[in-house]
Amino acid sequence: MTKVANRCYAVYIMQRTQVYFPKEVLDELRREAYEKRKTLAAIIREKVAKTTGVKSAKTSKSTIVRRLKLLDEISNLNLPTTSPQNMKKAFSEAHDARL
C-alpha cells in the first residue's frame, strides 16, 4: 500500500471466483486463517499458489507510484462529486451550453 497526498491506495488486480469446500476442509482453512490472523481468501490464495507454483503478478512499485501521481493530479482538478444521475445531468447541461 502506498500513501500519497494523505490518501491510502492499494493496487490489486484479481478476478473473483466461487469455490465449494467440504465442511471439514473449510473449518480447517478458517482455523488456519484465525491462527495466522489472515483472511480466509488470503490463506486459500497462498495454498493455491504453492500447489500450482504460480505466483500472483505484482505491479512494480514505479508503476504504482506513477499511477498514484496521476490519480492525485486528477483529484486536484476539483471535479464534482455526485451521484451518476446528477453527473449525467451536469454533463448534459454542459454539453447543451456549448452548442
Protein backbone atom coordinates (compact mmCIF):
# COMPACT_ATOMS: atom_id res chain seq x y z
CA MET A 1 0.00 0.00 0.00
CA THR A 2 1.33 3.43 -0.85
CA LYS A 3 0.34 6.70 0.78
CA VAL A 4 0.12 9.76 -1.46
CA ALA A 5 -1.44 13.13 -0.61
CA ASN A 6 -2.95 11.93 2.68
CA ARG A 7 -4.78 9.07 0.97
CA CYS A 8 -4.07 5.35 1.05
CA TYR A 9 -4.45 3.19 -2.01
CA ALA A 10 -3.93 -0.50 -2.63
CA VAL A 11 -3.49 -1.83 -6.13
CA TYR A 12 -4.70 -5.37 -6.67
CA ILE A 13 -5.83 -6.95 -9.91
CA MET A 14 -7.75 -10.13 -9.24
CA GLN A 15 -10.73 -11.95 -10.61
CA ARG A 16 -13.50 -13.23 -8.41
CA THR A 17 -14.46 -16.88 -8.33
CA GLN A 18 -16.57 -19.14 -6.18
CA VAL A 19 -15.35 -22.42 -4.71
CA TYR A 20 -17.19 -25.01 -2.65
CA PHE A 21 -15.38 -26.94 0.09
CA PRO A 22 -16.47 -29.81 2.32
CA LYS A 23 -17.25 -28.58 5.84
CA GLU A 24 -14.15 -30.22 7.33
CA VAL A 25 -11.82 -28.54 4.81
CA LEU A 26 -13.47 -25.16 5.28
CA ASP A 27 -13.25 -25.49 9.08
CA GLU A 28 -9.53 -26.24 8.82
CA LEU A 29 -8.94 -23.29 6.46
CA ARG A 30 -10.85 -20.98 8.81
CA ARG A 31 -8.84 -22.24 11.79
CA GLU A 32 -5.58 -21.57 9.96
CA ALA A 33 -6.76 -18.12 8.91
CA TYR A 34 -7.67 -17.31 12.52
CA GLU A 35 -4.34 -18.54 13.86
CA LYS A 36 -2.33 -16.64 11.26
CA ARG A 37 -4.59 -13.56 11.54
CA LYS A 38 -5.20 -13.57 7.81
CA THR A 39 -8.34 -13.65 5.74
CA LEU A 40 -9.74 -16.93 4.54
CA ALA A 41 -9.20 -15.72 0.97
CA ALA A 42 -5.53 -14.99 1.66
CA ILE A 43 -4.99 -18.49 3.06
CA ILE A 44 -6.68 -20.08 0.03
CA ARG A 45 -4.66 -17.92 -2.41
CA GLU A 46 -1.41 -18.91 -0.66
CA LYS A 47 -2.26 -22.62 -0.84
CA VAL A 48 -3.27 -22.43 -4.49
CA ALA A 49 -0.11 -20.51 -5.39
CA LYS A 50 2.03 -23.04 -3.51
CA THR A 51 0.30 -26.00 -5.16
CA THR A 52 0.35 -24.63 -8.70
CA GLY A 53 3.69 -22.87 -8.47
CA VAL A 54 2.07 -19.78 -9.96
CA LYS A 55 2.92 -16.55 -8.21
CA SER A 56 0.47 -13.69 -8.37
CA ALA A 57 1.54 -10.92 -10.71
CA LYS A 58 2.61 -7.88 -8.77
CA THR A 59 2.62 -4.40 -10.15
CA SER A 60 6.03 -2.77 -9.90
CA LYS A 61 6.49 -0.04 -7.31
CA SER A 62 7.37 2.51 -10.01
CA THR A 63 4.14 1.73 -11.90
CA ILE A 64 2.09 2.08 -8.73
CA VAL A 65 3.75 5.40 -7.87
CA ARG A 66 3.16 6.68 -11.42
CA ARG A 67 -0.50 5.69 -11.29
CA LEU A 68 -0.96 7.27 -7.87
CA LYS A 69 0.61 10.52 -9.06
CA LEU A 70 -1.83 10.58 -11.98
CA LEU A 71 -4.70 9.85 -9.62
CA ASP A 72 -3.56 12.67 -7.35
CA GLU A 73 -3.42 15.05 -10.33
CA ILE A 74 -6.94 14.08 -11.33
CA SER A 75 -8.20 14.55 -7.77
CA ASN A 76 -6.80 18.10 -7.77
CA LEU A 77 -8.98 19.03 -10.77
CA ASN A 78 -11.88 19.72 -8.38
CA LEU A 79 -14.23 17.54 -10.35
CA PRO A 80 -17.72 17.40 -8.90
CA THR A 81 -18.53 14.52 -6.62
CA THR A 82 -22.12 13.47 -7.10
CA SER A 83 -24.37 10.58 -7.98
CA PRO A 84 -24.28 9.08 -11.51
CA GLN A 85 -27.74 10.55 -12.18
CA ASN A 86 -26.65 14.05 -11.20
CA MET A 87 -23.40 13.64 -13.14
CA LYS A 88 -25.35 12.69 -16.27
CA LYS A 89 -27.49 15.81 -15.82
CA ALA A 90 -24.39 18.01 -15.32
CA PHE A 91 -22.72 16.61 -18.45
CA SER A 92 -25.91 17.08 -20.44
CA GLU A 93 -26.27 20.69 -19.29
CA ALA A 94 -22.60 21.42 -20.03
CA HIS A 95 -23.00 19.88 -23.48
CA ASP A 96 -26.12 21.92 -24.20
CA ALA A 97 -24.38 25.10 -23.05
CA ARG A 98 -21.55 24.56 -25.55
CA LEU A 99 -23.90 24.04 -28.50
